[in-house]
N, C-alpha and C. Protein backbone atom coordinates (compact mmCIF):
# COMPACT_ATOMS: atom_id res chain seq x y z
N MET A 1 -7.93 -11.60 -18.03
CA MET A 1 -6.87 -11.32 -17.11
C MET A 1 -6.66 -12.48 -16.14
N ILE A 2 -7.63 -13.34 -15.96
CA ILE A 2 -7.47 -14.46 -15.04
C ILE A 2 -7.02 -15.68 -15.83
N ARG A 3 -5.95 -16.29 -15.35
CA ARG A 3 -5.45 -17.51 -15.96
C ARG A 3 -5.93 -18.71 -15.17
N ARG A 4 -5.64 -19.87 -15.66
CA ARG A 4 -6.06 -21.07 -14.95
C ARG A 4 -5.30 -21.23 -13.63
N ASN A 5 -4.05 -20.78 -13.59
CA ASN A 5 -3.25 -20.89 -12.38
C ASN A 5 -3.49 -19.74 -11.41
N GLY A 6 -4.30 -18.78 -11.77
CA GLY A 6 -4.56 -17.64 -10.91
C GLY A 6 -4.45 -16.34 -11.69
N ILE A 7 -4.27 -15.26 -10.97
CA ILE A 7 -4.23 -13.94 -11.58
C ILE A 7 -2.85 -13.69 -12.18
N ASN A 8 -2.82 -12.99 -13.29
CA ASN A 8 -1.58 -12.56 -13.90
C ASN A 8 -1.23 -11.20 -13.29
N VAL A 9 -0.40 -11.20 -12.27
CA VAL A 9 -0.09 -10.00 -11.52
C VAL A 9 0.67 -9.00 -12.39
N HIS A 10 1.52 -9.47 -13.27
CA HIS A 10 2.28 -8.57 -14.14
C HIS A 10 1.35 -7.77 -15.04
N ALA A 11 0.39 -8.43 -15.65
CA ALA A 11 -0.55 -7.73 -16.53
C ALA A 11 -1.46 -6.81 -15.74
N PHE A 12 -1.85 -7.22 -14.55
CA PHE A 12 -2.71 -6.39 -13.70
C PHE A 12 -1.99 -5.10 -13.32
N CYS A 13 -0.73 -5.19 -12.94
CA CYS A 13 0.02 -4.01 -12.51
C CYS A 13 0.44 -3.14 -13.69
N GLN A 14 0.65 -3.73 -14.85
CA GLN A 14 1.02 -2.93 -16.02
C GLN A 14 -0.09 -1.99 -16.43
N GLY A 15 -1.33 -2.33 -16.12
CA GLY A 15 -2.44 -1.43 -16.40
C GLY A 15 -2.35 -0.13 -15.63
N LEU A 16 -1.64 -0.14 -14.50
CA LEU A 16 -1.42 1.07 -13.69
C LEU A 16 -0.06 1.71 -13.94
N GLY A 17 0.74 1.11 -14.78
CA GLY A 17 2.08 1.62 -15.03
C GLY A 17 3.08 1.16 -13.98
N ILE A 18 2.79 0.06 -13.32
CA ILE A 18 3.67 -0.47 -12.28
C ILE A 18 4.36 -1.73 -12.81
N ARG A 19 5.66 -1.79 -12.63
CA ARG A 19 6.41 -2.96 -13.05
C ARG A 19 6.55 -3.93 -11.88
N VAL A 20 6.48 -5.22 -12.16
CA VAL A 20 6.70 -6.24 -11.15
C VAL A 20 8.02 -6.92 -11.49
N ARG A 21 8.95 -6.84 -10.56
CA ARG A 21 10.26 -7.44 -10.77
C ARG A 21 10.52 -8.48 -9.70
N ARG A 22 11.48 -9.33 -9.96
CA ARG A 22 11.85 -10.38 -9.00
C ARG A 22 12.49 -9.73 -7.77
N PRO A 23 12.29 -10.31 -6.59
CA PRO A 23 12.90 -9.74 -5.39
C PRO A 23 14.43 -9.68 -5.46
N ALA A 24 15.04 -10.58 -6.20
CA ALA A 24 16.50 -10.59 -6.31
C ALA A 24 17.02 -9.38 -7.11
N ALA A 25 16.15 -8.71 -7.85
CA ALA A 25 16.56 -7.57 -8.66
C ALA A 25 16.75 -6.30 -7.83
N LEU A 26 16.32 -6.32 -6.58
CA LEU A 26 16.46 -5.14 -5.71
C LEU A 26 17.91 -5.01 -5.26
N LYS A 27 18.50 -3.88 -5.58
CA LYS A 27 19.90 -3.64 -5.19
C LYS A 27 19.94 -2.80 -3.92
N PHE A 28 20.03 -1.50 -4.07
CA PHE A 28 20.13 -0.63 -2.90
C PHE A 28 18.93 0.31 -2.80
N ARG A 29 18.48 0.81 -3.90
CA ARG A 29 17.42 1.81 -3.90
C ARG A 29 16.25 1.29 -4.73
N ARG A 30 15.06 1.47 -4.23
CA ARG A 30 13.87 1.03 -4.96
C ARG A 30 13.57 2.01 -6.09
N GLU A 31 13.20 1.46 -7.23
CA GLU A 31 12.79 2.30 -8.36
C GLU A 31 11.33 2.71 -8.17
N PRO A 32 10.95 3.91 -8.61
CA PRO A 32 9.55 4.31 -8.51
C PRO A 32 8.67 3.44 -9.40
N ASN A 33 7.44 3.23 -8.97
CA ASN A 33 6.45 2.42 -9.69
C ASN A 33 6.95 1.02 -9.98
N THR A 34 7.65 0.43 -9.04
CA THR A 34 8.16 -0.93 -9.19
C THR A 34 7.85 -1.72 -7.92
N ILE A 35 7.30 -2.90 -8.11
CA ILE A 35 7.03 -3.81 -7.01
C ILE A 35 7.99 -4.97 -7.16
N TYR A 36 8.68 -5.29 -6.08
CA TYR A 36 9.62 -6.41 -6.10
C TYR A 36 8.93 -7.62 -5.49
N GLY A 37 8.52 -8.52 -6.36
CA GLY A 37 7.77 -9.70 -5.93
C GLY A 37 6.29 -9.38 -5.92
N GLY A 38 5.47 -10.20 -6.52
CA GLY A 38 4.05 -9.92 -6.60
C GLY A 38 3.18 -10.81 -5.75
N ARG A 39 3.78 -11.53 -4.83
CA ARG A 39 3.02 -12.48 -4.02
C ARG A 39 1.98 -11.79 -3.16
N ASN A 40 2.33 -10.64 -2.57
CA ASN A 40 1.37 -9.93 -1.72
C ASN A 40 0.15 -9.48 -2.52
N ILE A 41 0.38 -9.04 -3.74
CA ILE A 41 -0.72 -8.57 -4.57
C ILE A 41 -1.61 -9.73 -4.97
N SER A 42 -1.02 -10.84 -5.37
CA SER A 42 -1.85 -11.99 -5.77
C SER A 42 -2.65 -12.53 -4.59
N ARG A 43 -2.07 -12.53 -3.41
CA ARG A 43 -2.82 -12.98 -2.22
C ARG A 43 -3.94 -12.01 -1.87
N MET A 44 -3.67 -10.71 -2.03
CA MET A 44 -4.69 -9.71 -1.72
C MET A 44 -5.84 -9.80 -2.72
N ILE A 45 -5.54 -10.05 -3.98
CA ILE A 45 -6.60 -10.21 -4.99
C ILE A 45 -7.43 -11.44 -4.68
N ALA A 46 -6.78 -12.53 -4.28
CA ALA A 46 -7.51 -13.76 -3.98
C ALA A 46 -8.41 -13.60 -2.76
N SER A 47 -7.98 -12.77 -1.79
CA SER A 47 -8.79 -12.63 -0.58
C SER A 47 -9.85 -11.53 -0.69
N THR A 48 -9.62 -10.52 -1.52
CA THR A 48 -10.60 -9.44 -1.66
C THR A 48 -11.14 -9.42 -3.08
N SER A 49 -10.79 -8.42 -3.85
CA SER A 49 -11.22 -8.34 -5.25
C SER A 49 -10.21 -7.50 -6.03
N GLU A 50 -10.30 -7.60 -7.34
CA GLU A 50 -9.39 -6.83 -8.19
C GLU A 50 -9.63 -5.33 -8.05
N GLU A 51 -10.88 -4.93 -7.87
CA GLU A 51 -11.19 -3.50 -7.75
C GLU A 51 -10.58 -2.92 -6.48
N HIS A 52 -10.64 -3.68 -5.40
CA HIS A 52 -10.06 -3.21 -4.14
C HIS A 52 -8.55 -3.07 -4.24
N VAL A 53 -7.89 -4.04 -4.83
CA VAL A 53 -6.43 -3.99 -4.98
C VAL A 53 -6.04 -2.87 -5.94
N TYR A 54 -6.84 -2.65 -6.98
CA TYR A 54 -6.61 -1.54 -7.89
C TYR A 54 -6.66 -0.22 -7.13
N CYS A 55 -7.61 -0.08 -6.24
CA CYS A 55 -7.75 1.13 -5.42
C CYS A 55 -6.55 1.29 -4.49
N VAL A 56 -6.10 0.21 -3.87
CA VAL A 56 -4.95 0.26 -2.97
C VAL A 56 -3.71 0.71 -3.73
N LEU A 57 -3.48 0.12 -4.90
CA LEU A 57 -2.30 0.48 -5.69
C LEU A 57 -2.36 1.93 -6.17
N ARG A 58 -3.53 2.41 -6.55
CA ARG A 58 -3.65 3.81 -6.97
C ARG A 58 -3.38 4.76 -5.82
N CYS A 59 -3.82 4.41 -4.63
CA CYS A 59 -3.58 5.27 -3.46
C CYS A 59 -2.09 5.36 -3.14
N ILE A 60 -1.41 4.24 -3.17
CA ILE A 60 0.03 4.24 -2.90
C ILE A 60 0.77 5.00 -3.99
N GLN A 61 0.36 4.81 -5.23
CA GLN A 61 0.99 5.48 -6.35
C GLN A 61 0.78 6.99 -6.28
N ALA A 62 -0.38 7.43 -5.81
CA ALA A 62 -0.65 8.86 -5.69
C ALA A 62 0.16 9.48 -4.56
N SER A 63 0.40 8.73 -3.51
CA SER A 63 1.13 9.26 -2.36
C SER A 63 2.62 9.33 -2.65
N SER A 64 3.25 8.22 -2.84
CA SER A 64 4.67 8.17 -3.18
C SER A 64 4.93 6.91 -3.98
N PRO A 65 5.30 7.05 -5.25
CA PRO A 65 5.42 5.89 -6.14
C PRO A 65 6.56 4.93 -5.80
N ASP A 66 7.40 5.27 -4.86
CA ASP A 66 8.45 4.33 -4.48
C ASP A 66 8.18 3.69 -3.12
N ALA A 67 6.93 3.66 -2.70
CA ALA A 67 6.57 3.09 -1.40
C ALA A 67 5.83 1.76 -1.54
N PHE A 68 6.13 0.98 -2.55
CA PHE A 68 5.44 -0.29 -2.75
C PHE A 68 6.12 -1.39 -1.93
N TYR A 69 6.08 -1.25 -0.62
CA TYR A 69 6.57 -2.27 0.30
C TYR A 69 5.38 -3.13 0.71
N GLY A 70 5.66 -4.33 1.20
CA GLY A 70 4.59 -5.23 1.62
C GLY A 70 3.79 -4.68 2.78
N ASP A 71 4.47 -4.06 3.75
CA ASP A 71 3.74 -3.53 4.90
C ASP A 71 2.91 -2.32 4.53
N VAL A 72 3.35 -1.54 3.54
CA VAL A 72 2.57 -0.39 3.08
C VAL A 72 1.32 -0.88 2.35
N LEU A 73 1.46 -1.90 1.51
CA LEU A 73 0.30 -2.48 0.82
C LEU A 73 -0.73 -2.96 1.84
N TYR A 74 -0.26 -3.68 2.84
CA TYR A 74 -1.17 -4.24 3.85
C TYR A 74 -1.83 -3.13 4.68
N ALA A 75 -1.06 -2.09 5.04
CA ALA A 75 -1.60 -1.01 5.86
C ALA A 75 -2.65 -0.20 5.10
N VAL A 76 -2.39 0.11 3.84
CA VAL A 76 -3.37 0.86 3.04
C VAL A 76 -4.61 0.01 2.82
N HIS A 77 -4.42 -1.28 2.60
CA HIS A 77 -5.56 -2.20 2.45
C HIS A 77 -6.41 -2.21 3.71
N ARG A 78 -5.78 -2.28 4.87
CA ARG A 78 -6.52 -2.31 6.14
C ARG A 78 -7.27 -1.00 6.37
N TYR A 79 -6.62 0.14 6.06
CA TYR A 79 -7.27 1.43 6.26
C TYR A 79 -8.48 1.58 5.34
N ILE A 80 -8.32 1.26 4.07
CA ILE A 80 -9.42 1.42 3.12
C ILE A 80 -10.57 0.49 3.46
N SER A 81 -10.27 -0.76 3.77
CA SER A 81 -11.36 -1.70 4.04
C SER A 81 -12.08 -1.40 5.34
N SER A 82 -11.43 -0.76 6.30
CA SER A 82 -12.12 -0.48 7.56
C SER A 82 -12.74 0.90 7.62
N HIS A 83 -12.19 1.88 6.93
CA HIS A 83 -12.70 3.25 7.05
C HIS A 83 -13.41 3.76 5.80
N ARG A 84 -12.95 3.39 4.62
CA ARG A 84 -13.48 4.01 3.41
C ARG A 84 -13.76 3.00 2.30
N SER A 85 -14.42 1.95 2.62
CA SER A 85 -14.66 0.91 1.62
C SER A 85 -15.70 1.33 0.58
N ALA A 86 -16.53 2.32 0.87
CA ALA A 86 -17.58 2.71 -0.06
C ALA A 86 -17.16 3.82 -1.02
N GLU A 87 -15.98 4.42 -0.82
CA GLU A 87 -15.56 5.53 -1.67
C GLU A 87 -14.98 5.04 -2.98
N ALA A 88 -15.02 5.92 -3.98
CA ALA A 88 -14.47 5.60 -5.30
C ALA A 88 -12.95 5.67 -5.26
N ALA A 89 -12.31 4.98 -6.18
CA ALA A 89 -10.85 4.92 -6.20
C ALA A 89 -10.23 6.28 -6.48
N GLY A 90 -10.85 7.09 -7.31
CA GLY A 90 -10.31 8.40 -7.62
C GLY A 90 -10.30 9.34 -6.43
N ALA A 91 -11.38 9.33 -5.66
CA ALA A 91 -11.45 10.19 -4.47
C ALA A 91 -10.46 9.73 -3.40
N LEU A 92 -10.30 8.43 -3.25
CA LEU A 92 -9.33 7.93 -2.28
C LEU A 92 -7.90 8.28 -2.69
N ALA A 93 -7.61 8.13 -3.97
CA ALA A 93 -6.27 8.45 -4.45
C ALA A 93 -5.97 9.93 -4.25
N GLN A 94 -6.96 10.78 -4.42
CA GLN A 94 -6.76 12.22 -4.19
C GLN A 94 -6.49 12.51 -2.72
N SER A 95 -7.16 11.82 -1.82
CA SER A 95 -6.91 12.05 -0.40
C SER A 95 -5.53 11.53 0.02
N PHE A 96 -5.05 10.48 -0.62
CA PHE A 96 -3.73 9.95 -0.31
C PHE A 96 -2.62 10.78 -0.94
N ALA A 97 -2.94 11.60 -1.93
CA ALA A 97 -1.91 12.39 -2.60
C ALA A 97 -1.27 13.41 -1.67
N GLY A 98 -1.96 13.79 -0.61
CA GLY A 98 -1.43 14.80 0.30
C GLY A 98 -0.54 14.27 1.40
N ILE A 99 -0.37 12.95 1.50
CA ILE A 99 0.46 12.41 2.58
C ILE A 99 1.69 11.73 2.00
N ASP A 100 2.71 11.61 2.79
CA ASP A 100 3.95 10.94 2.40
C ASP A 100 4.02 9.60 3.11
N LEU A 101 3.74 8.53 2.39
CA LEU A 101 3.70 7.20 3.00
C LEU A 101 5.07 6.73 3.47
N LEU A 102 6.14 7.14 2.80
CA LEU A 102 7.47 6.73 3.25
C LEU A 102 7.82 7.37 4.59
N HIS A 103 7.44 8.62 4.78
CA HIS A 103 7.68 9.27 6.06
C HIS A 103 6.87 8.59 7.17
N LEU A 104 5.59 8.28 6.87
CA LEU A 104 4.76 7.58 7.86
C LEU A 104 5.29 6.18 8.13
N ARG A 105 5.84 5.53 7.12
CA ARG A 105 6.41 4.18 7.31
C ARG A 105 7.61 4.24 8.24
N ASN A 106 8.48 5.22 8.05
CA ASN A 106 9.63 5.35 8.93
C ASN A 106 9.21 5.67 10.36
N ARG A 107 8.18 6.50 10.50
CA ARG A 107 7.67 6.84 11.83
C ARG A 107 7.05 5.61 12.50
N ALA A 108 6.31 4.81 11.71
CA ALA A 108 5.72 3.58 12.24
C ALA A 108 6.81 2.60 12.66
N GLN A 109 7.90 2.58 11.92
CA GLN A 109 9.03 1.71 12.28
C GLN A 109 9.59 2.10 13.64
N ARG A 110 9.77 3.39 13.86
CA ARG A 110 10.31 3.86 15.15
C ARG A 110 9.33 3.61 16.30
N LEU A 111 8.04 3.78 16.04
CA LEU A 111 7.05 3.60 17.10
C LEU A 111 6.80 2.13 17.41
N ALA A 112 6.79 1.29 16.40
CA ALA A 112 6.47 -0.13 16.61
C ALA A 112 7.62 -0.88 17.28
N LEU A 113 8.84 -0.49 16.97
CA LEU A 113 10.00 -1.16 17.55
C LEU A 113 10.65 -0.22 18.55
N GLY A 114 10.40 -0.46 19.80
CA GLY A 114 10.99 0.36 20.84
C GLY A 114 12.46 0.01 21.03
N PRO A 115 13.13 0.66 21.96
CA PRO A 115 14.55 0.37 22.16
C PRO A 115 14.81 -1.00 22.77
N HIS A 116 13.81 -1.59 23.40
CA HIS A 116 14.03 -2.87 24.06
C HIS A 116 13.25 -4.03 23.45
N LYS A 117 12.03 -3.77 22.98
CA LYS A 117 11.20 -4.84 22.43
C LYS A 117 10.28 -4.27 21.36
N ALA A 118 9.71 -5.17 20.59
CA ALA A 118 8.72 -4.76 19.61
C ALA A 118 7.38 -4.59 20.30
N MET A 119 6.70 -3.48 20.00
CA MET A 119 5.41 -3.21 20.63
C MET A 119 4.27 -3.77 19.79
N THR A 120 4.37 -3.63 18.47
CA THR A 120 3.33 -4.11 17.58
C THR A 120 3.93 -4.34 16.20
N LYS A 121 3.13 -4.82 15.29
CA LYS A 121 3.59 -5.00 13.92
C LYS A 121 3.66 -3.65 13.22
N ARG A 122 4.63 -3.50 12.35
CA ARG A 122 4.83 -2.24 11.65
C ARG A 122 3.65 -1.90 10.75
N ALA A 123 3.06 -2.88 10.10
CA ALA A 123 1.93 -2.61 9.21
C ALA A 123 0.72 -2.10 9.99
N ASP A 124 0.50 -2.65 11.17
CA ASP A 124 -0.62 -2.18 12.00
C ASP A 124 -0.38 -0.76 12.50
N ALA A 125 0.84 -0.47 12.90
CA ALA A 125 1.17 0.89 13.34
C ALA A 125 1.03 1.87 12.18
N LEU A 126 1.43 1.45 10.99
CA LEU A 126 1.31 2.32 9.82
C LEU A 126 -0.15 2.56 9.46
N ALA A 127 -0.99 1.55 9.57
CA ALA A 127 -2.42 1.73 9.27
C ALA A 127 -3.05 2.73 10.25
N ILE A 128 -2.65 2.68 11.50
CA ILE A 128 -3.18 3.62 12.49
C ILE A 128 -2.67 5.03 12.21
N LEU A 129 -1.41 5.16 11.81
CA LEU A 129 -0.88 6.48 11.48
C LEU A 129 -1.56 7.07 10.24
N ILE A 130 -1.85 6.23 9.26
CA ILE A 130 -2.57 6.71 8.07
C ILE A 130 -3.95 7.19 8.46
N ALA A 131 -4.65 6.40 9.26
CA ALA A 131 -5.99 6.78 9.70
C ALA A 131 -5.95 8.07 10.50
N ASP A 132 -4.98 8.20 11.39
CA ASP A 132 -4.86 9.40 12.20
C ASP A 132 -4.58 10.62 11.34
N HIS A 133 -3.68 10.47 10.38
CA HIS A 133 -3.30 11.59 9.53
C HIS A 133 -4.47 12.04 8.63
N LEU A 134 -5.14 11.09 7.99
CA LEU A 134 -6.23 11.44 7.08
C LEU A 134 -7.46 11.93 7.82
N GLU A 135 -7.79 11.32 8.96
CA GLU A 135 -8.95 11.76 9.72
C GLU A 135 -8.71 13.12 10.36
N HIS A 136 -7.49 13.38 10.80
CA HIS A 136 -7.17 14.69 11.38
C HIS A 136 -7.26 15.78 10.33
N ARG A 137 -6.81 15.46 9.11
CA ARG A 137 -6.89 16.45 8.02
C ARG A 137 -8.33 16.73 7.62
N GLU A 138 -9.19 15.70 7.67
CA GLU A 138 -10.61 15.92 7.35
C GLU A 138 -11.29 16.73 8.44
N ASP A 139 -10.92 16.52 9.69
CA ASP A 139 -11.53 17.29 10.78
C ASP A 139 -11.12 18.75 10.71
N ALA A 140 -9.92 19.03 10.23
CA ALA A 140 -9.46 20.40 10.13
C ALA A 140 -10.15 21.14 8.98
N ALA A 141 -10.57 20.41 7.97
CA ALA A 141 -11.20 21.05 6.80
C ALA A 141 -12.64 21.40 7.03
């Protein structure tokens, strides 16, 4: 799977049933299980590992298959690496299946960008919302 020039992101994502398309192919609505541009994934693989990125992609796919945005990838990566790095990919994907990442992304957008200025980055706000949502659900159980 590793080429001389780096990772083959298309082949890596096809193993999960995810298509990688050029960013110019995005019209108005995102298709489910489609990533537009694979640069974020290749950078994440280079900085972490293939297993970690596989886990991140499975979690997003279990939650909402049309939420493959760059900030969602980064937020899920930050949450998993800081809170649940020792868990298996299947258990993490099951915990993410109960939340709607697109709804949390829209909420993070509203919270991060106030009416007058930006308060924080959207990916950081989304990572905190994911942690709050999943940890609150575990405390209730």
